[in-house]
Amino acid sequence: MDWQPLLLTFKLAFITSIILLVIAFPIAYWLAFGKFKGRGIIEAMIGMPLVLPPSVIGFYLLLAFSPSYWFGAWVEETIGIRLVFSFPGLVIASVIYSLPFMVYPLRAGFQSLPKSLQEASYTLGKGKFETFYKVLLPNCKPAILTAFVLTFAHTVGEFGVVLMIGGNIPGVTKVASVAIYNEVEALNYTLANQYALVLFVITFAILLVVYSINNNLLRVREPA
């Protein structure tokens, strides 16, 4: 079995999750505590990957990333990176496709915190940033952990979007889901099963460990 697709899959999932962790914090905070018009429109746009078929998202991203269109052409001319059929393109597409899996758990975590935490922090003279960093984040550990793992697992399982954006280039864009599809098409079910089994075991182990940690954190926070 070629381990390269599996290593590429976990590399993509890890990079995507780290980027989204940085991007999603202000968005989740804004959605949890912000008061603004058009909130429903923003939430609907973020949640579109939850309901749209991956092929639809992949198709429009393929058009946007193509050098024939202004965005893809601008990125290639300005940064020197071609987004279609490249690993950077896979990362950007994965960030867009997995955004709600990071934002919504974080938002739920912020909203579950009692308002008295923020009020007490403000009373002690702490600013918004210090309150966010020293008060809200430490109390959102279960939500942060859940958001990271869901995003990681969702990226590992991507197929339609990564196939349309990245194609099937060994060592560059051929991730595990594409490798499984190729082996099934070739009627090589033994190898397809090996890839699928490795993904199943690793993702199950990650989820088991994370949710066990989460349950322990929640138990500690429960009043005696």
C-alpha atoms as a PDB file:
ATOM      1  CA  MET A   1       0.000   0.000   0.000  1.00  0.00           C
ATOM      2  CA  ASP A   2       1.225   3.480  -0.900  1.00  0.00           C
ATOM      3  CA  TRP A   3       1.156   5.581   2.277  1.00  0.00           C
ATOM      4  CA  GLN A   4       1.573   8.870   0.433  1.00  0.00           C
ATOM      5  CA  PRO A   5      -2.189   9.553  -0.040  1.00  0.00           C
ATOM      6  CA  LEU A   6      -2.782   8.973   3.682  1.00  0.00           C
ATOM      7  CA  LEU A   7       0.087  11.240   4.721  1.00  0.00           C
ATOM      8  CA  LEU A   8      -1.128  13.914   2.302  1.00  0.00           C
ATOM      9  CA  THR A   9      -4.654  13.595   3.705  1.00  0.00           C
ATOM     10  CA  PHE A  10      -3.585  14.160   7.298  1.00  0.00           C
ATOM     11  CA  LYS A  11      -1.255  16.976   6.261  1.00  0.00           C
ATOM     12  CA  LEU A  12      -4.166  18.700   4.492  1.00  0.00           C
ATOM     13  CA  ALA A  13      -6.495  18.128   7.454  1.00  0.00           C
ATOM     14  CA  PHE A  14      -3.983  19.488   9.978  1.00  0.00           C
ATOM     15  CA  ILE A  15      -3.118  22.622   7.976  1.00  0.00           C
ATOM     16  CA  THR A  16      -6.797  23.307   7.260  1.00  0.00           C
ATOM     17  CA  SER A  17      -7.735  22.900  10.936  1.00  0.00           C
ATOM     18  CA  ILE A  18      -4.956  25.230  12.126  1.00  0.00           C
ATOM     19  CA  ILE A  19      -5.895  27.941   9.607  1.00  0.00           C
ATOM     20  CA  LEU A  20      -9.582  27.660  10.483  1.00  0.00           C
ATOM     21  CA  LEU A  21      -8.848  27.783  14.200  1.00  0.00           C
ATOM     22  CA  VAL A  22      -7.317  31.233  13.657  1.00  0.00           C
ATOM     23  CA  ILE A  23     -10.010  32.441  11.246  1.00  0.00           C
ATOM     24  CA  ALA A  24     -13.031  31.048  13.084  1.00  0.00           C
ATOM     25  CA  PHE A  25     -12.386  32.568  16.536  1.00  0.00           C
ATOM     26  CA  PRO A  26     -13.292  36.164  15.612  1.00  0.00           C
ATOM     27  CA  ILE A  27     -16.170  34.988  13.407  1.00  0.00           C
ATOM     28  CA  ALA A  28     -17.630  32.783  16.163  1.00  0.00           C
ATOM     29  CA  TYR A  29     -17.209  35.556  18.750  1.00  0.00           C
ATOM     30  CA  TRP A  30     -18.867  38.039  16.419  1.00  0.00           C
ATOM     31  CA  LEU A  31     -21.803  35.703  15.792  1.00  0.00           C
ATOM     32  CA  ALA A  32     -22.162  34.891  19.495  1.00  0.00           C
ATOM     33  CA  PHE A  33     -22.058  38.418  20.913  1.00  0.00           C
ATOM     34  CA  GLY A  34     -22.386  40.836  18.008  1.00  0.00           C
ATOM     35  CA  LYS A  35     -25.568  42.737  17.278  1.00  0.00           C
ATOM     36  CA  PHE A  36     -25.884  43.640  13.620  1.00  0.00           C
ATOM     37  CA  LYS A  37     -28.291  43.578  10.716  1.00  0.00           C
ATOM     38  CA  GLY A  38     -27.995  40.846   8.140  1.00  0.00           C
ATOM     39  CA  ARG A  39     -26.930  38.260  10.709  1.00  0.00           C
ATOM     40  CA  GLY A  40     -29.079  35.601   9.029  1.00  0.00           C
ATOM     41  CA  ILE A  41     -27.396  36.200   5.676  1.00  0.00           C
ATOM     42  CA  ILE A  42     -23.921  35.768   7.188  1.00  0.00           C
ATOM     43  CA  GLU A  43     -24.923  32.590   9.025  1.00  0.00           C
ATOM     44  CA  ALA A  44     -26.549  31.189   5.876  1.00  0.00           C
ATOM     45  CA  MET A  45     -23.398  31.838   3.837  1.00  0.00           C
ATOM     46  CA  ILE A  46     -21.194  30.149   6.445  1.00  0.00           C
ATOM     47  CA  GLY A  47     -23.550  27.177   6.652  1.00  0.00           C
ATOM     48  CA  MET A  48     -23.890  26.577   2.898  1.00  0.00           C
ATOM     49  CA  PRO A  49     -21.295  23.730   2.857  1.00  0.00           C
ATOM     50  CA  LEU A  50     -23.537  21.828   5.284  1.00  0.00           C
ATOM     51  CA  VAL A  51     -26.378  21.546   2.779  1.00  0.00           C
ATOM     52  CA  LEU A  52     -24.886  21.998  -0.686  1.00  0.00           C
ATOM     53  CA  PRO A  53     -23.534  18.937  -2.525  1.00  0.00           C
ATOM     54  CA  PRO A  54     -19.705  18.984  -2.541  1.00  0.00           C
ATOM     55  CA  SER A  55     -19.764  18.833  -6.345  1.00  0.00           C
ATOM     56  CA  VAL A  56     -21.602  22.185  -6.462  1.00  0.00           C
ATOM     57  CA  ILE A  57     -19.087  23.878  -4.180  1.00  0.00           C
ATOM     58  CA  GLY A  58     -16.223  22.189  -6.000  1.00  0.00           C
ATOM     59  CA  PHE A  59     -17.526  23.356  -9.368  1.00  0.00           C
ATOM     60  CA  TYR A  60     -17.772  27.017  -8.382  1.00  0.00           C
ATOM     61  CA  LEU A  61     -14.405  26.921  -6.640  1.00  0.00           C
ATOM     62  CA  LEU A  62     -12.916  25.343  -9.756  1.00  0.00           C
ATOM     63  CA  LEU A  63     -14.242  28.256 -11.812  1.00  0.00           C
ATOM     64  CA  ALA A  64     -12.996  30.815  -9.273  1.00  0.00           C
ATOM     65  CA  PHE A  65      -9.533  29.229  -9.000  1.00  0.00           C
ATOM     66  CA  SER A  66      -9.082  28.784 -12.731  1.00  0.00           C
ATOM     67  CA  PRO A  67      -6.528  31.124 -14.394  1.00  0.00           C
ATOM     68  CA  SER A  68      -9.271  31.913 -16.904  1.00  0.00           C
ATOM     69  CA  TYR A  69     -11.154  33.849 -14.209  1.00  0.00           C
ATOM     70  CA  TRP A  70     -10.044  36.990 -12.413  1.00  0.00           C
ATOM     71  CA  PHE A  71      -9.407  35.530  -8.950  1.00  0.00           C
ATOM     72  CA  GLY A  72      -7.326  32.578 -10.118  1.00  0.00           C
ATOM     73  CA  ALA A  73      -5.486  34.779 -12.585  1.00  0.00           C
ATOM     74  CA  TRP A  74      -4.838  37.437  -9.908  1.00  0.00           C
ATOM     75  CA  VAL A  75      -3.423  34.869  -7.434  1.00  0.00           C
ATOM     76  CA  GLU A  76      -1.179  33.354 -10.101  1.00  0.00           C
ATOM     77  CA  GLU A  77       0.100  36.736 -11.292  1.00  0.00           C
ATOM     78  CA  THR A  78       0.501  38.281  -7.822  1.00  0.00           C
ATOM     79  CA  ILE A  79       1.696  35.373  -5.676  1.00  0.00           C
ATOM     80  CA  GLY A  80       2.855  33.000  -8.378  1.00  0.00           C
ATOM     81  CA  ILE A  81       0.646  30.123  -7.207  1.00  0.00           C
ATOM     82  CA  ARG A  82      -1.730  28.213  -9.451  1.00  0.00           C
ATOM     83  CA  LEU A  83      -4.705  27.160  -7.349  1.00  0.00           C
ATOM     84  CA  VAL A  84      -6.206  24.488  -9.583  1.00  0.00           C
ATOM     85  CA  PHE A  85      -4.596  21.035  -9.360  1.00  0.00           C
ATOM     86  CA  SER A  86      -2.249  22.136  -6.581  1.00  0.00           C
ATOM     87  CA  PHE A  87      -1.935  21.564  -2.846  1.00  0.00           C
ATOM     88  CA  PRO A  88      -2.426  25.277  -1.947  1.00  0.00           C
ATOM     89  CA  GLY A  89      -5.684  25.151  -3.906  1.00  0.00           C
ATOM     90  CA  LEU A  90      -6.759  22.113  -1.878  1.00  0.00           C
ATOM     91  CA  VAL A  91      -6.015  23.979   1.359  1.00  0.00           C
ATOM     92  CA  ILE A  92      -8.074  27.040   0.376  1.00  0.00           C
ATOM     93  CA  ALA A  93     -10.951  24.874  -0.849  1.00  0.00           C
ATOM     94  CA  SER A  94     -10.861  22.814   2.364  1.00  0.00           C
ATOM     95  CA  VAL A  95     -10.873  25.958   4.506  1.00  0.00           C
ATOM     96  CA  ILE A  96     -14.007  27.179   2.734  1.00  0.00           C
ATOM     97  CA  TYR A  97     -15.705  23.781   2.783  1.00  0.00           C
ATOM     98  CA  SER A  98     -14.966  23.041   6.464  1.00  0.00           C
ATOM     99  CA  LEU A  99     -15.630  26.558   7.827  1.00  0.00           C
ATOM    100  CA  PRO A 100     -18.990  25.783   9.504  1.00  0.00           C
ATOM    101  CA  PHE A 101     -17.532  22.758  11.303  1.00  0.00           C
ATOM    102  CA  MET A 102     -15.154  25.103  13.119  1.00  0.00           C
ATOM    103  CA  VAL A 103     -17.360  28.177  13.537  1.00  0.00           C
ATOM    104  CA  TYR A 104     -20.570  26.658  14.884  1.00  0.00           C
ATOM    105  CA  PRO A 105     -19.096  24.630  17.789  1.00  0.00           C
ATOM    106  CA  LEU A 106     -17.039  27.661  18.831  1.00  0.00           C
ATOM    107  CA  ARG A 107     -20.086  29.915  18.677  1.00  0.00           C
ATOM    108  CA  ALA A 108     -22.069  27.418  20.750  1.00  0.00           C
ATOM    109  CA  GLY A 109     -19.220  27.317  23.269  1.00  0.00           C
ATOM    110  CA  PHE A 110     -19.174  31.108  23.617  1.00  0.00           C
ATOM    111  CA  GLN A 111     -22.961  31.286  23.939  1.00  0.00           C
ATOM    112  CA  SER A 112     -22.994  28.607  26.651  1.00  0.00           C
ATOM    113  CA  LEU A 113     -20.824  30.717  28.959  1.00  0.00           C
ATOM    114  CA  PRO A 114     -22.666  32.736  31.629  1.00  0.00           C
ATOM    115  CA  LYS A 115     -22.734  36.470  30.975  1.00  0.00           C
ATOM    116  CA  SER A 116     -21.491  37.027  34.508  1.00  0.00           C
ATOM    117  CA  LEU A 117     -17.987  35.950  33.397  1.00  0.00           C
ATOM    118  CA  GLN A 118     -17.694  38.841  30.957  1.00  0.00           C
ATOM    119  CA  GLU A 119     -19.375  41.292  33.293  1.00  0.00           C
ATOM    120  CA  ALA A 120     -17.039  40.395  36.145  1.00  0.00           C
ATOM    121  CA  SER A 121     -14.019  40.797  33.866  1.00  0.00           C
ATOM    122  CA  TYR A 122     -15.200  44.217  32.664  1.00  0.00           C
ATOM    123  CA  THR A 123     -15.881  45.241  36.271  1.00  0.00           C
ATOM    124  CA  LEU A 124     -12.266  44.415  37.120  1.00  0.00           C
ATOM    125  CA  GLY A 125     -11.137  46.772  34.378  1.00  0.00           C
ATOM    126  CA  LYS A 126     -10.241  44.202  31.734  1.00  0.00           C
ATOM    127  CA  GLY A 127     -10.707  45.121  28.069  1.00  0.00           C
ATOM    128  CA  LYS A 128     -12.517  43.068  25.440  1.00  0.00           C
ATOM    129  CA  PHE A 129      -9.363  41.439  24.098  1.00  0.00           C
ATOM    130  CA  GLU A 130      -8.036  40.539  27.559  1.00  0.00           C
ATOM    131  CA  THR A 131     -11.472  39.205  28.533  1.00  0.00           C
ATOM    132  CA  PHE A 132     -11.584  37.117  25.389  1.00  0.00           C
ATOM    133  CA  TYR A 133      -8.057  35.760  25.798  1.00  0.00           C
ATOM    134  CA  LYS A 134      -7.918  35.210  29.573  1.00  0.00           C
ATOM    135  CA  VAL A 135     -11.553  34.530  30.489  1.00  0.00           C
ATOM    136  CA  LEU A 136     -13.588  33.217  27.550  1.00  0.00           C
ATOM    137  CA  LEU A 137     -11.014  31.007  25.826  1.00  0.00           C
ATOM    138  CA  PRO A 138      -9.967  29.011  28.936  1.00  0.00           C
ATOM    139  CA  ASN A 139     -13.642  28.277  29.631  1.00  0.00           C
ATOM    140  CA  CYS A 140     -14.273  27.132  26.045  1.00  0.00           C
ATOM    141  CA  LYS A 141     -11.765  24.272  25.960  1.00  0.00           C
ATOM    142  CA  PRO A 142     -14.380  21.555  25.235  1.00  0.00           C
ATOM    143  CA  ALA A 143     -15.841  23.607  22.354  1.00  0.00           C
ATOM    144  CA  ILE A 144     -12.381  24.353  20.933  1.00  0.00           C
ATOM    145  CA  LEU A 145     -11.396  20.700  21.077  1.00  0.00           C
ATOM    146  CA  THR A 146     -14.681  19.600  19.487  1.00  0.00           C
ATOM    147  CA  ALA A 147     -14.421  22.201  16.715  1.00  0.00           C
ATOM    148  CA  PHE A 148     -10.835  21.247  15.885  1.00  0.00           C
ATOM    149  CA  VAL A 149     -11.566  17.514  15.761  1.00  0.00           C
ATOM    150  CA  LEU A 150     -14.765  17.895  13.715  1.00  0.00           C
ATOM    151  CA  THR A 151     -12.919  20.087  11.226  1.00  0.00           C
ATOM    152  CA  PHE A 152     -10.006  17.658  11.032  1.00  0.00           C
ATOM    153  CA  ALA A 153     -12.295  14.645  10.556  1.00  0.00           C
ATOM    154  CA  HIS A 154     -14.434  16.445   7.982  1.00  0.00           C
ATOM    155  CA  THR A 155     -11.367  17.406   5.959  1.00  0.00           C
ATOM    156  CA  VAL A 156     -10.069  13.823   6.091  1.00  0.00           C
ATOM    157  CA  GLY A 157     -13.372  12.648   4.607  1.00  0.00           C
ATOM    158  CA  GLU A 158     -13.566  15.197   1.780  1.00  0.00           C
ATOM    159  CA  PHE A 159     -13.956  13.777  -1.710  1.00  0.00           C
ATOM    160  CA  GLY A 160     -16.001  15.815  -4.158  1.00  0.00           C
ATOM    161  CA  VAL A 161     -14.334  19.151  -3.512  1.00  0.00           C
ATOM    162  CA  VAL A 162     -10.764  17.836  -3.426  1.00  0.00           C
ATOM    163  CA  LEU A 163     -11.298  15.782  -6.570  1.00  0.00           C
ATOM    164  CA  MET A 164     -12.639  18.742  -8.554  1.00  0.00           C
ATOM    165  CA  ILE A 165     -10.023  21.202  -7.322  1.00  0.00           C
ATOM    166  CA  GLY A 166      -6.989  18.938  -7.065  1.00  0.00           C
ATOM    167  CA  GLY A 167      -7.658  16.147  -9.484  1.00  0.00           C
ATOM    168  CA  ASN A 168      -5.610  12.995  -9.005  1.00  0.00           C
ATOM    169  CA  ILE A 169      -1.926  13.928  -9.011  1.00  0.00           C
ATOM    170  CA  PRO A 170       0.201  11.465  -6.964  1.00  0.00           C
ATOM    171  CA  GLY A 171       2.159  13.176  -4.204  1.00  0.00           C
ATOM    172  CA  VAL A 172       0.475  16.525  -4.862  1.00  0.00           C
ATOM    173  CA  THR A 173      -3.320  16.248  -4.676  1.00  0.00           C
ATOM    174  CA  LYS A 174      -4.087  12.521  -4.501  1.00  0.00           C
ATOM    175  CA  VAL A 175      -5.556  12.202  -1.012  1.00  0.00           C
ATOM    176  CA  ALA A 176      -6.864   9.012   0.594  1.00  0.00           C
ATOM    177  CA  SER A 177     -10.512   9.472  -0.460  1.00  0.00           C
ATOM    178  CA  VAL A 178      -9.423   9.819  -4.092  1.00  0.00           C
ATOM    179  CA  ALA A 179      -7.125   6.805  -3.758  1.00  0.00           C
ATOM    180  CA  ILE A 180     -10.031   4.706  -2.429  1.00  0.00           C
ATOM    181  CA  TYR A 181     -12.212   5.834  -5.340  1.00  0.00           C
ATOM    182  CA  ASN A 182      -9.479   4.915  -7.831  1.00  0.00           C
ATOM    183  CA  GLU A 183      -9.034   1.433  -6.360  1.00  0.00           C
ATOM    184  CA  VAL A 184     -12.776   0.782  -6.333  1.00  0.00           C
ATOM    185  CA  GLU A 185     -13.001   1.869  -9.978  1.00  0.00           C
ATOM    186  CA  ALA A 186     -10.181  -0.561 -10.764  1.00  0.00           C
ATOM    187  CA  LEU A 187     -12.061  -3.292  -8.836  1.00  0.00           C
ATOM    188  CA  ASN A 188      -9.112  -3.527  -6.459  1.00  0.00           C
ATOM    189  CA  TYR A 189     -11.269  -3.876  -3.354  1.00  0.00           C
ATOM    190  CA  THR A 190      -8.466  -5.271  -1.197  1.00  0.00           C
ATOM    191  CA  LEU A 191      -6.347  -2.127  -1.491  1.00  0.00           C
ATOM    192  CA  ALA A 192      -9.407   0.103  -1.213  1.00  0.00           C
ATOM    193  CA  ASN A 193     -10.294  -1.689   2.010  1.00  0.00           C
ATOM    194  CA  GLN A 194      -6.773  -1.142   3.367  1.00  0.00           C
ATOM    195  CA  TYR A 195      -6.972   2.612   2.774  1.00  0.00           C
ATOM    196  CA  ALA A 196     -10.489   2.783   4.214  1.00  0.00           C
ATOM    197  CA  LEU A 197      -9.567   0.697   7.249  1.00  0.00           C
ATOM    198  CA  VAL A 198      -6.569   2.886   8.100  1.00  0.00           C
ATOM    199  CA  LEU A 199      -8.729   6.022   7.872  1.00  0.00           C
ATOM    200  CA  PHE A 200     -11.446   4.397   9.971  1.00  0.00           C
ATOM    201  CA  VAL A 201      -9.087   3.262  12.733  1.00  0.00           C
ATOM    202  CA  ILE A 202      -7.132   6.529  12.958  1.00  0.00           C
ATOM    203  CA  THR A 203     -10.164   8.826  12.907  1.00  0.00           C
ATOM    204  CA  PHE A 204     -12.036   6.649  15.409  1.00  0.00           C
ATOM    205  CA  ALA A 205      -9.032   6.691  17.754  1.00  0.00           C
ATOM    206  CA  ILE A 206      -8.740  10.490  17.487  1.00  0.00           C
ATOM    207  CA  LEU A 207     -12.453  10.979  18.180  1.00  0.00           C
ATOM    208  CA  LEU A 208     -12.376   8.543  21.086  1.00  0.00           C
ATOM    209  CA  VAL A 209      -9.452  10.293  22.762  1.00  0.00           C
ATOM    210  CA  VAL A 210     -10.826  13.783  22.186  1.00  0.00           C
ATOM    211  CA  TYR A 211     -14.347  13.067  23.389  1.00  0.00           C
ATOM    212  CA  SER A 212     -12.957  11.277  26.451  1.00  0.00           C
ATOM    213  CA  ILE A 213     -10.901  14.384  27.253  1.00  0.00           C
ATOM    214  CA  ASN A 214     -13.950  16.559  26.588  1.00  0.00           C
ATOM    215  CA  ASN A 215     -16.121  14.554  28.953  1.00  0.00           C
ATOM    216  CA  ASN A 216     -13.475  14.845  31.676  1.00  0.00           C
ATOM    217  CA  LEU A 217     -13.275  18.618  31.174  1.00  0.00           C
ATOM    218  CA  LEU A 218     -17.055  18.957  31.406  1.00  0.00           C
ATOM    219  CA  ARG A 219     -17.092  16.782  34.540  1.00  0.00           C
ATOM    220  CA  VAL A 220     -14.512  19.067  36.174  1.00  0.00           C
ATOM    221  CA  ARG A 221     -16.626  22.129  35.371  1.00  0.00           C
ATOM    222  CA  GLU A 222     -19.794  20.607  36.882  1.00  0.00           C
ATOM    223  CA  PRO A 223     -20.567  21.865  40.382  1.00  0.00           C
ATOM    224  CA  ALA A 224     -20.132  19.314  43.140  1.00  0.00           C
END
